[in-house]
Every structure is written in C-alpha cells, then in structure tokens.
Amino acid sequence: MARTPSAPARRTVLRAALALGSAGVLAPLAGCSSDGGSAAAGGPTSAAQDPAALLAKARATLDAAPSLAFTLQGADLPEDGNVLLGGTGDLERPDGFAGTLDVRFAGVLAKVEVVSTGGTFYAKLPLTTTFSKVDPKTLGFTDPGGFMNPETGISQLLSQAKDPKLGPESRVVSEVVRQVTATLPGALVDDLLTSADPTQDVAATFGITAAGELRQAELVGPFYAKGVDSTFTILLRDYGKSVQITAPA
C-alpha cells in the first residue's frame, strides 16, 4: 500500500485533479486504485466491482430514462468532406432529438439546427432559414433520433461492449465516475454514428456514476478514414428532464 501523502501534497493532487476534470474529460483521480475505493464523497465505493455489472446497471438506468441532455464532442477529425464536429441537444424517448449540430458541410463550417422525430430528420441547412427533410448521412452521420432506442441506440454500446475492464475513478466536470474500458464492434458504431471501416473495432472508455448513470462514453476509431483514428465523446446528463419534441411546422 502506498504511503499516505502529507496534507499539502493531498491538496496539490486534488487541485490538479479538479483542473483536469473541469475540461470535461475522463481524468483519473489520484490515489484511486483501478478496482475499488473512492477518492471523493459520492463516488463508487465497492472494493470489488464487476465491470460487466456496471455496464448492465448503466444500460438499465439509461433504458428507463424518458429523456436526457446530450452533448457530442469530436477530436482529430478530417479537415475536408462532410463531417460531424460535435453538437448538443435533448433526447426524448422513443425517437426524438432537438438541438444544434456543428458540421462541416460542402466546405462550410456551420451550426445546423435539427429536429428528429417519428423517424424523420429535419435540418436548417447552411444559408437557409427554414427546416427541410434531410438524410443525415449527407451531413456525415446517422439520425440522432434513434439514440434512445434500446435495440439500436446508445445503450447498445453498453450491452455489446467486449472484454470490459474496470478502470480508475475519475471526474467528468465535477462528478466522480468509475471508468470501464472495452472494445466495440465497428459495425455497431457505424450504425450509431459513422465509420469508414465497420470491420475495425472501436476503443471505448465509459464513465459511470455511483447512481448507475452513463455520464460519458469516449469512442476512438476510424470514423472518417480507414486506418486513421478520430475521437467522439458522448456526454449524457439531466436524466428525466422535461422535454417535448415535435416536428417543425
């Protein structure tokens, strides 16, 4: 067992962990083992957690949520073509999404207002002021309206994760989560987001709260070019928030 650090050292480590956490990334908490213990109040506390059980609990919690807030962050993305860069919005069961997506479309960087409901995707394309029915694949991604579908949506990332391993505790912003790393079938990620090579597995790091909520999923794989990895990070919060998504008039 490591020697307990002095009080000044503990304060220094805590400040560093908080600084990393404020960026919204999965930053491991100092002083936490990879298989148990908690470095902060409110964090997971089991000394011997089962990563598969954590994923199953997170899936059950997600599938029970009627709605939630969704953020997508992209990194190491290509500089040409039609590319999804990120976005934010609300998801409502069974098939609703409303928000803004950051895209590169026909060489133009744009924030595109979108609504998806009932299997139809609407977008205000660059240089337009009204919603049009659009195939989201032309913008470089799949329809986010399906993200809450328990058979094809985000929860499938949890149920089809291969070789899950327990990671350290970390912070997403100011919240303590437990990391679980795994690999995902490329075809699954292609159906959910996009992939240039569905035969290639995607590396995943999940951040799960003590309450069993999936807070973050970081995915690394060949989303837009074979053999070239990019990163998409999904952030989920405000489970059960009041949301009502309807088709644009």
C-alpha atoms as a PDB file:
ATOM      1  CA  MET A   1       0.000   0.000   0.000  1.00  0.00           C
ATOM      2  CA  ALA A   2       1.313   3.428  -0.934  1.00  0.00           C
ATOM      3  CA  ARG A   3       2.362   5.801   1.847  1.00  0.00           C
ATOM      4  CA  THR A   4      -0.329   8.354   2.704  1.00  0.00           C
ATOM      5  CA  PRO A   5       0.722  11.764   1.298  1.00  0.00           C
ATOM      6  CA  SER A   6       1.066  14.796   3.522  1.00  0.00           C
ATOM      7  CA  ALA A   7      -1.780  17.313   3.765  1.00  0.00           C
ATOM      8  CA  PRO A   8      -0.075  19.844   1.415  1.00  0.00           C
ATOM      9  CA  ALA A   9       0.584  17.082  -1.110  1.00  0.00           C
ATOM     10  CA  ARG A  10      -3.027  15.931  -0.909  1.00  0.00           C
ATOM     11  CA  ARG A  11      -4.233  19.471  -1.587  1.00  0.00           C
ATOM     12  CA  THR A  12      -1.890  19.759  -4.583  1.00  0.00           C
ATOM     13  CA  VAL A  13      -3.124  16.466  -6.057  1.00  0.00           C
ATOM     14  CA  LEU A  14      -6.762  17.427  -5.513  1.00  0.00           C
ATOM     15  CA  ARG A  15      -6.299  20.798  -7.219  1.00  0.00           C
ATOM     16  CA  ALA A  16      -4.681  19.062 -10.205  1.00  0.00           C
ATOM     17  CA  ALA A  17      -7.489  16.515 -10.466  1.00  0.00           C
ATOM     18  CA  LEU A  18     -10.122  19.252 -10.319  1.00  0.00           C
ATOM     19  CA  ALA A  19      -8.345  21.219 -13.023  1.00  0.00           C
ATOM     20  CA  LEU A  20      -8.322  18.233 -15.343  1.00  0.00           C
ATOM     21  CA  GLY A  21     -11.930  17.395 -14.535  1.00  0.00           C
ATOM     22  CA  SER A  22     -13.126  20.896 -15.414  1.00  0.00           C
ATOM     23  CA  ALA A  23     -12.241  20.231 -19.060  1.00  0.00           C
ATOM     24  CA  GLY A  24     -14.958  17.559 -19.220  1.00  0.00           C
ATOM     25  CA  VAL A  25     -12.587  14.673 -19.865  1.00  0.00           C
ATOM     26  CA  LEU A  26     -12.163  11.392 -18.056  1.00  0.00           C
ATOM     27  CA  ALA A  27      -9.207  12.365 -15.858  1.00  0.00           C
ATOM     28  CA  PRO A  28      -8.205   9.653 -13.336  1.00  0.00           C
ATOM     29  CA  LEU A  29      -8.336  10.702  -9.706  1.00  0.00           C
ATOM     30  CA  ALA A  30      -5.007  10.488  -7.918  1.00  0.00           C
ATOM     31  CA  GLY A  31      -4.803   7.923  -5.155  1.00  0.00           C
ATOM     32  CA  CYS A  32      -7.510   5.624  -6.577  1.00  0.00           C
ATOM     33  CA  SER A  33      -6.867   2.010  -7.404  1.00  0.00           C
ATOM     34  CA  SER A  34      -8.319   0.561 -10.615  1.00  0.00           C
ATOM     35  CA  ASP A  35     -10.514  -1.953  -8.825  1.00  0.00           C
ATOM     36  CA  GLY A  36     -12.126  -0.225  -5.878  1.00  0.00           C
ATOM     37  CA  GLY A  37     -12.133   2.503  -3.282  1.00  0.00           C
ATOM     38  CA  SER A  38     -13.342   6.050  -3.578  1.00  0.00           C
ATOM     39  CA  ALA A  39     -11.365   9.273  -3.600  1.00  0.00           C
ATOM     40  CA  ALA A  40     -14.324  11.579  -3.088  1.00  0.00           C
ATOM     41  CA  ALA A  41     -17.652  11.586  -1.316  1.00  0.00           C
ATOM     42  CA  GLY A  42     -20.458  10.406  -3.547  1.00  0.00           C
ATOM     43  CA  GLY A  43     -18.226   8.228  -5.738  1.00  0.00           C
ATOM     44  CA  PRO A  44     -18.450   4.471  -6.256  1.00  0.00           C
ATOM     45  CA  THR A  45     -17.305   2.689  -3.111  1.00  0.00           C
ATOM     46  CA  SER A  46     -17.373  -1.070  -3.793  1.00  0.00           C
ATOM     47  CA  ALA A  47     -13.984  -2.698  -3.235  1.00  0.00           C
ATOM     48  CA  ALA A  48     -14.511  -5.299  -5.968  1.00  0.00           C
ATOM     49  CA  GLN A  49     -16.841  -4.003  -8.672  1.00  0.00           C
ATOM     50  CA  ASP A  50     -17.648  -6.116 -11.707  1.00  0.00           C
ATOM     51  CA  PRO A  51     -17.222  -4.071 -14.920  1.00  0.00           C
ATOM     52  CA  ALA A  52     -19.867  -6.112 -16.736  1.00  0.00           C
ATOM     53  CA  ALA A  53     -22.307  -5.476 -13.887  1.00  0.00           C
ATOM     54  CA  LEU A  54     -21.558  -1.745 -14.012  1.00  0.00           C
ATOM     55  CA  LEU A  55     -22.294  -1.679 -17.731  1.00  0.00           C
ATOM     56  CA  ALA A  56     -25.524  -3.640 -17.220  1.00  0.00           C
ATOM     57  CA  LYS A  57     -26.668  -1.243 -14.497  1.00  0.00           C
ATOM     58  CA  ALA A  58     -25.843   1.760 -16.664  1.00  0.00           C
ATOM     59  CA  ARG A  59     -27.822   0.281 -19.535  1.00  0.00           C
ATOM     60  CA  ALA A  60     -30.854  -0.390 -17.325  1.00  0.00           C
ATOM     61  CA  THR A  61     -30.720   3.167 -15.980  1.00  0.00           C
ATOM     62  CA  LEU A  62     -30.418   4.630 -19.474  1.00  0.00           C
ATOM     63  CA  ASP A  63     -33.236   2.497 -20.873  1.00  0.00           C
ATOM     64  CA  ALA A  64     -35.505   3.635 -18.012  1.00  0.00           C
ATOM     65  CA  ALA A  65     -34.886   7.345 -18.640  1.00  0.00           C
ATOM     66  CA  PRO A  66     -37.668   9.074 -20.607  1.00  0.00           C
ATOM     67  CA  SER A  67     -35.342  11.860 -21.715  1.00  0.00           C
ATOM     68  CA  LEU A  68     -31.923  13.409 -21.159  1.00  0.00           C
ATOM     69  CA  ALA A  69     -29.496  16.073 -22.319  1.00  0.00           C
ATOM     70  CA  PHE A  70     -26.905  15.059 -24.900  1.00  0.00           C
ATOM     71  CA  THR A  71     -23.569  16.531 -25.950  1.00  0.00           C
ATOM     72  CA  LEU A  72     -21.160  15.228 -28.583  1.00  0.00           C
ATOM     73  CA  GLN A  73     -17.544  16.368 -28.870  1.00  0.00           C
ATOM     74  CA  GLY A  74     -15.254  15.435 -31.760  1.00  0.00           C
ATOM     75  CA  ALA A  75     -11.447  15.455 -31.931  1.00  0.00           C
ATOM     76  CA  ASP A  76      -8.793  14.599 -34.548  1.00  0.00           C
ATOM     77  CA  LEU A  77     -11.393  14.872 -37.301  1.00  0.00           C
ATOM     78  CA  PRO A  78     -10.610  15.276 -41.021  1.00  0.00           C
ATOM     79  CA  GLU A  79     -10.358  18.764 -42.476  1.00  0.00           C
ATOM     80  CA  ASP A  80     -12.364  18.068 -45.625  1.00  0.00           C
ATOM     81  CA  GLY A  81     -15.587  16.350 -46.635  1.00  0.00           C
ATOM     82  CA  ASN A  82     -18.908  16.393 -44.804  1.00  0.00           C
ATOM     83  CA  VAL A  83     -18.019  15.854 -41.154  1.00  0.00           C
ATOM     84  CA  LEU A  84     -19.890  15.965 -37.854  1.00  0.00           C
ATOM     85  CA  LEU A  85     -17.763  18.022 -35.459  1.00  0.00           C
ATOM     86  CA  GLY A  86     -19.990  17.953 -32.369  1.00  0.00           C
ATOM     87  CA  GLY A  87     -23.320  19.113 -31.069  1.00  0.00           C
ATOM     88  CA  THR A  88     -25.707  19.468 -28.185  1.00  0.00           C
ATOM     89  CA  GLY A  89     -29.406  18.901 -27.642  1.00  0.00           C
ATOM     90  CA  ASP A  90     -32.129  16.917 -25.914  1.00  0.00           C
ATOM     91  CA  LEU A  91     -33.181  13.315 -26.442  1.00  0.00           C
ATOM     92  CA  GLU A  92     -36.720  12.105 -25.799  1.00  0.00           C
ATOM     93  CA  ARG A  93     -37.968   8.548 -25.926  1.00  0.00           C
ATOM     94  CA  PRO A  94     -38.834   6.873 -28.203  1.00  0.00           C
ATOM     95  CA  ASP A  95     -37.221   8.665 -31.154  1.00  0.00           C
ATOM     96  CA  GLY A  96     -36.872  12.394 -30.536  1.00  0.00           C
ATOM     97  CA  PHE A  97     -33.875  14.716 -30.794  1.00  0.00           C
ATOM     98  CA  ALA A  98     -33.777  18.509 -30.924  1.00  0.00           C
ATOM     99  CA  GLY A  99     -30.639  20.591 -30.832  1.00  0.00           C
ATOM    100  CA  THR A 100     -27.753  22.083 -32.755  1.00  0.00           C
ATOM    101  CA  LEU A 101     -25.044  20.136 -34.567  1.00  0.00           C
ATOM    102  CA  ASP A 102     -21.668  21.535 -35.581  1.00  0.00           C
ATOM    103  CA  VAL A 103     -20.846  20.283 -39.072  1.00  0.00           C
ATOM    104  CA  ARG A 104     -18.516  20.871 -41.975  1.00  0.00           C
ATOM    105  CA  PHE A 105     -20.822  20.725 -44.989  1.00  0.00           C
ATOM    106  CA  ALA A 106     -19.734  21.490 -48.565  1.00  0.00           C
ATOM    107  CA  GLY A 107     -16.618  23.172 -47.188  1.00  0.00           C
ATOM    108  CA  VAL A 108     -18.558  25.423 -44.813  1.00  0.00           C
ATOM    109  CA  LEU A 109     -18.371  25.277 -41.013  1.00  0.00           C
ATOM    110  CA  ALA A 110     -21.881  25.679 -39.679  1.00  0.00           C
ATOM    111  CA  LYS A 111     -24.140  25.238 -36.682  1.00  0.00           C
ATOM    112  CA  VAL A 112     -27.154  23.370 -38.008  1.00  0.00           C
ATOM    113  CA  GLU A 113     -30.409  23.432 -36.061  1.00  0.00           C
ATOM    114  CA  VAL A 114     -32.015  19.978 -36.255  1.00  0.00           C
ATOM    115  CA  VAL A 115     -35.121  18.139 -35.112  1.00  0.00           C
ATOM    116  CA  SER A 116     -35.714  14.419 -35.452  1.00  0.00           C
ATOM    117  CA  THR A 117     -38.947  12.699 -34.518  1.00  0.00           C
ATOM    118  CA  GLY A 118     -41.018   9.833 -35.861  1.00  0.00           C
ATOM    119  CA  GLY A 119     -38.126   8.651 -37.995  1.00  0.00           C
ATOM    120  CA  THR A 120     -37.902  11.918 -39.955  1.00  0.00           C
ATOM    121  CA  PHE A 121     -34.858  14.197 -39.718  1.00  0.00           C
ATOM    122  CA  TYR A 122     -35.272  17.937 -40.250  1.00  0.00           C
ATOM    123  CA  ALA A 123     -32.450  20.460 -40.555  1.00  0.00           C
ATOM    124  CA  LYS A 124     -31.914  24.138 -41.254  1.00  0.00           C
ATOM    125  CA  LEU A 125     -29.070  23.786 -43.711  1.00  0.00           C
ATOM    126  CA  PRO A 126     -26.422  26.499 -44.141  1.00  0.00           C
ATOM    127  CA  LEU A 127     -27.753  29.637 -45.859  1.00  0.00           C
ATOM    128  CA  THR A 128     -31.374  28.606 -45.236  1.00  0.00           C
ATOM    129  CA  THR A 129     -33.918  29.817 -42.678  1.00  0.00           C
ATOM    130  CA  THR A 130     -36.477  27.005 -42.707  1.00  0.00           C
ATOM    131  CA  PHE A 131     -36.391  23.323 -41.843  1.00  0.00           C
ATOM    132  CA  SER A 132     -36.074  20.772 -44.635  1.00  0.00           C
ATOM    133  CA  LYS A 133     -36.332  16.996 -44.542  1.00  0.00           C
ATOM    134  CA  VAL A 134     -32.771  15.729 -44.915  1.00  0.00           C
ATOM    135  CA  ASP A 135     -30.931  12.406 -44.955  1.00  0.00           C
ATOM    136  CA  PRO A 136     -28.462  12.905 -42.072  1.00  0.00           C
ATOM    137  CA  LYS A 137     -25.931  10.701 -43.870  1.00  0.00           C
ATOM    138  CA  THR A 138     -25.408  13.590 -46.304  1.00  0.00           C
ATOM    139  CA  LEU A 139     -24.131  15.583 -43.321  1.00  0.00           C
ATOM    140  CA  GLY A 140     -21.741  12.830 -42.257  1.00  0.00           C
ATOM    141  CA  PHE A 141     -23.629  10.941 -39.534  1.00  0.00           C
ATOM    142  CA  THR A 142     -26.732   8.909 -38.672  1.00  0.00           C
ATOM    143  CA  ASP A 143     -30.050  10.114 -37.290  1.00  0.00           C
ATOM    144  CA  PRO A 144     -29.672  11.049 -33.589  1.00  0.00           C
ATOM    145  CA  GLY A 145     -33.387  10.424 -33.139  1.00  0.00           C
ATOM    146  CA  GLY A 146     -32.507   6.754 -32.659  1.00  0.00           C
ATOM    147  CA  PHE A 147     -30.070   7.317 -29.803  1.00  0.00           C
ATOM    148  CA  MET A 148     -32.601   6.291 -27.127  1.00  0.00           C
ATOM    149  CA  ASN A 149     -33.807   3.186 -28.939  1.00  0.00           C
ATOM    150  CA  PRO A 150     -32.864   0.311 -26.577  1.00  0.00           C
ATOM    151  CA  GLU A 151     -32.221  -2.034 -29.517  1.00  0.00           C
ATOM    152  CA  THR A 152     -30.109   0.242 -31.722  1.00  0.00           C
ATOM    153  CA  GLY A 153     -29.169   3.300 -29.653  1.00  0.00           C
ATOM    154  CA  ILE A 154     -26.573   4.352 -27.113  1.00  0.00           C
ATOM    155  CA  SER A 155     -27.466   1.588 -24.660  1.00  0.00           C
ATOM    156  CA  GLN A 156     -26.217  -0.942 -27.235  1.00  0.00           C
ATOM    157  CA  LEU A 157     -22.717   0.412 -26.626  1.00  0.00           C
ATOM    158  CA  LEU A 158     -23.079  -0.883 -23.072  1.00  0.00           C
ATOM    159  CA  SER A 159     -24.619  -4.261 -23.870  1.00  0.00           C
ATOM    160  CA  GLN A 160     -22.236  -5.119 -26.726  1.00  0.00           C
ATOM    161  CA  ALA A 161     -19.013  -3.937 -25.086  1.00  0.00           C
ATOM    162  CA  LYS A 162     -16.362  -6.659 -25.393  1.00  0.00           C
ATOM    163  CA  ASP A 163     -13.748  -7.561 -22.772  1.00  0.00           C
ATOM    164  CA  PRO A 164     -14.747  -4.832 -20.284  1.00  0.00           C
ATOM    165  CA  LYS A 165     -12.128  -3.870 -17.723  1.00  0.00           C
ATOM    166  CA  LEU A 166     -12.505  -1.782 -14.599  1.00  0.00           C
ATOM    167  CA  GLY A 167     -10.577   1.465 -14.732  1.00  0.00           C
ATOM    168  CA  PRO A 168      -9.831   4.115 -12.115  1.00  0.00           C
ATOM    169  CA  GLU A 169     -12.234   6.620 -10.684  1.00  0.00           C
ATOM    170  CA  SER A 170     -12.188   9.954 -12.480  1.00  0.00           C
ATOM    171  CA  ARG A 171     -14.146  13.162 -12.819  1.00  0.00           C
ATOM    172  CA  VAL A 172     -16.441  14.368 -15.548  1.00  0.00           C
ATOM    173  CA  VAL A 173     -16.516  18.096 -14.805  1.00  0.00           C
ATOM    174  CA  SER A 174     -17.097  17.931 -11.007  1.00  0.00           C
ATOM    175  CA  GLU A 175     -18.728  14.491 -10.779  1.00  0.00           C
ATOM    176  CA  VAL A 176     -16.934  11.315  -9.739  1.00  0.00           C
ATOM    177  CA  VAL A 177     -17.370   8.404 -12.134  1.00  0.00           C
ATOM    178  CA  ARG A 178     -15.922   4.928 -12.465  1.00  0.00           C
ATOM    179  CA  GLN A 179     -14.206   4.170 -15.755  1.00  0.00           C
ATOM    180  CA  VAL A 180     -14.819   0.961 -17.680  1.00  0.00           C
ATOM    181  CA  THR A 181     -12.774   0.308 -20.817  1.00  0.00           C
ATOM    182  CA  ALA A 182     -13.868  -2.045 -23.588  1.00  0.00           C
ATOM    183  CA  THR A 183     -13.919  -2.569 -27.338  1.00  0.00           C
ATOM    184  CA  LEU A 184     -16.994  -2.205 -29.533  1.00  0.00           C
ATOM    185  CA  PRO A 185     -17.884  -3.772 -32.888  1.00  0.00           C
ATOM    186  CA  GLY A 186     -17.200  -1.280 -35.654  1.00  0.00           C
ATOM    187  CA  ALA A 187     -20.496  -2.122 -37.353  1.00  0.00           C
ATOM    188  CA  LEU A 188     -22.394  -1.140 -34.199  1.00  0.00           C
ATOM    189  CA  VAL A 189     -20.654   2.232 -34.034  1.00  0.00           C
ATOM    190  CA  ASP A 190     -21.245   2.729 -37.760  1.00  0.00           C
ATOM    191  CA  ASP A 191     -24.975   2.242 -37.193  1.00  0.00           C
ATOM    192  CA  LEU A 192     -24.972   4.683 -34.275  1.00  0.00           C
ATOM    193  CA  LEU A 193     -22.629   7.402 -35.594  1.00  0.00           C
ATOM    194  CA  THR A 194     -20.462   6.631 -38.620  1.00  0.00           C
ATOM    195  CA  SER A 195     -17.390   4.595 -39.600  1.00  0.00           C
ATOM    196  CA  ALA A 196     -15.065   4.396 -42.575  1.00  0.00           C
ATOM    197  CA  ASP A 197     -14.230   0.782 -41.678  1.00  0.00           C
ATOM    198  CA  PRO A 198     -17.028  -1.112 -39.885  1.00  0.00           C
ATOM    199  CA  THR A 199     -14.794  -4.202 -39.695  1.00  0.00           C
ATOM    200  CA  GLN A 200     -12.458  -2.382 -37.296  1.00  0.00           C
ATOM    201  CA  ASP A 201     -13.243  -2.436 -33.569  1.00  0.00           C
ATOM    202  CA  VAL A 202     -13.626   0.849 -31.713  1.00  0.00           C
ATOM    203  CA  ALA A 203     -11.989   1.514 -28.335  1.00  0.00           C
ATOM    204  CA  ALA A 204     -14.391   2.765 -25.667  1.00  0.00           C
ATOM    205  CA  THR A 205     -13.983   4.314 -22.238  1.00  0.00           C
ATOM    206  CA  PHE A 206     -17.199   4.675 -20.251  1.00  0.00           C
ATOM    207  CA  GLY A 207     -17.696   6.893 -17.198  1.00  0.00           C
ATOM    208  CA  ILE A 208     -20.458   5.608 -14.884  1.00  0.00           C
ATOM    209  CA  THR A 209     -21.741   7.390 -11.784  1.00  0.00           C
ATOM    210  CA  ALA A 210     -22.440   5.841  -8.388  1.00  0.00           C
ATOM    211  CA  ALA A 211     -26.154   6.041  -9.247  1.00  0.00           C
ATOM    212  CA  GLY A 212     -25.565   3.899 -12.332  1.00  0.00           C
ATOM    213  CA  GLU A 213     -25.909   6.669 -14.919  1.00  0.00           C
ATOM    214  CA  LEU A 214     -23.732   6.579 -18.016  1.00  0.00           C
ATOM    215  CA  ARG A 215     -22.239  10.040 -17.909  1.00  0.00           C
ATOM    216  CA  GLN A 216     -19.616   9.795 -20.628  1.00  0.00           C
ATOM    217  CA  ALA A 217     -18.565   7.474 -23.442  1.00  0.00           C
ATOM    218  CA  GLU A 218     -15.321   8.186 -25.282  1.00  0.00           C
ATOM    219  CA  LEU A 219     -15.040   6.325 -28.598  1.00  0.00           C
ATOM    220  CA  VAL A 220     -11.827   6.103 -30.645  1.00  0.00           C
ATOM    221  CA  GLY A 221     -11.850   4.591 -34.119  1.00  0.00           C
ATOM    222  CA  PRO A 222     -11.700   5.137 -37.900  1.00  0.00           C
ATOM    223  CA  PHE A 223     -14.835   7.244 -38.185  1.00  0.00           C
ATOM    224  CA  TYR A 224     -13.972   9.030 -41.425  1.00  0.00           C
ATOM    225  CA  ALA A 225     -10.852   7.377 -42.883  1.00  0.00           C
ATOM    226  CA  LYS A 226      -9.585   3.792 -42.789  1.00  0.00           C
ATOM    227  CA  GLY A 227      -6.572   3.429 -40.543  1.00  0.00           C
ATOM    228  CA  VAL A 228      -6.938   6.955 -39.153  1.00  0.00           C
ATOM    229  CA  ASP A 229      -8.428   7.270 -35.669  1.00  0.00           C
ATOM    230  CA  SER A 230     -10.695  10.092 -34.581  1.00  0.00           C
ATOM    231  CA  THR A 231     -12.466  10.538 -31.255  1.00  0.00           C
ATOM    232  CA  PHE A 232     -16.105  11.138 -30.407  1.00  0.00           C
ATOM    233  CA  THR A 233     -17.050  11.772 -26.780  1.00  0.00           C
ATOM    234  CA  ILE A 234     -20.705  11.426 -25.774  1.00  0.00           C
ATOM    235  CA  LEU A 235     -21.853  13.235 -22.617  1.00  0.00           C
ATOM    236  CA  LEU A 236     -25.233  12.384 -21.068  1.00  0.00           C
ATOM    237  CA  ARG A 237     -26.826  14.304 -18.186  1.00  0.00           C
ATOM    238  CA  ASP A 238     -30.143  15.502 -16.750  1.00  0.00           C
ATOM    239  CA  TYR A 239     -31.800  12.097 -16.927  1.00  0.00           C
ATOM    240  CA  GLY A 240     -35.591  12.535 -16.918  1.00  0.00           C
ATOM    241  CA  LYS A 241     -35.538  16.267 -17.724  1.00  0.00           C
ATOM    242  CA  SER A 242     -38.748  17.820 -19.017  1.00  0.00           C
ATOM    243  CA  VAL A 243     -38.616  17.617 -22.821  1.00  0.00           C
ATOM    244  CA  GLN A 244     -41.263  17.758 -25.546  1.00  0.00           C
ATOM    245  CA  ILE A 245     -40.001  17.329 -29.099  1.00  0.00           C
ATOM    246  CA  THR A 246     -42.339  17.874 -32.039  1.00  0.00           C
ATOM    247  CA  ALA A 247     -41.844  18.129 -35.786  1.00  0.00           C
ATOM    248  CA  PRO A 248     -41.284  21.666 -37.087  1.00  0.00           C
ATOM    249  CA  ALA A 249     -44.346  23.372 -38.531  1.00  0.00           C
END
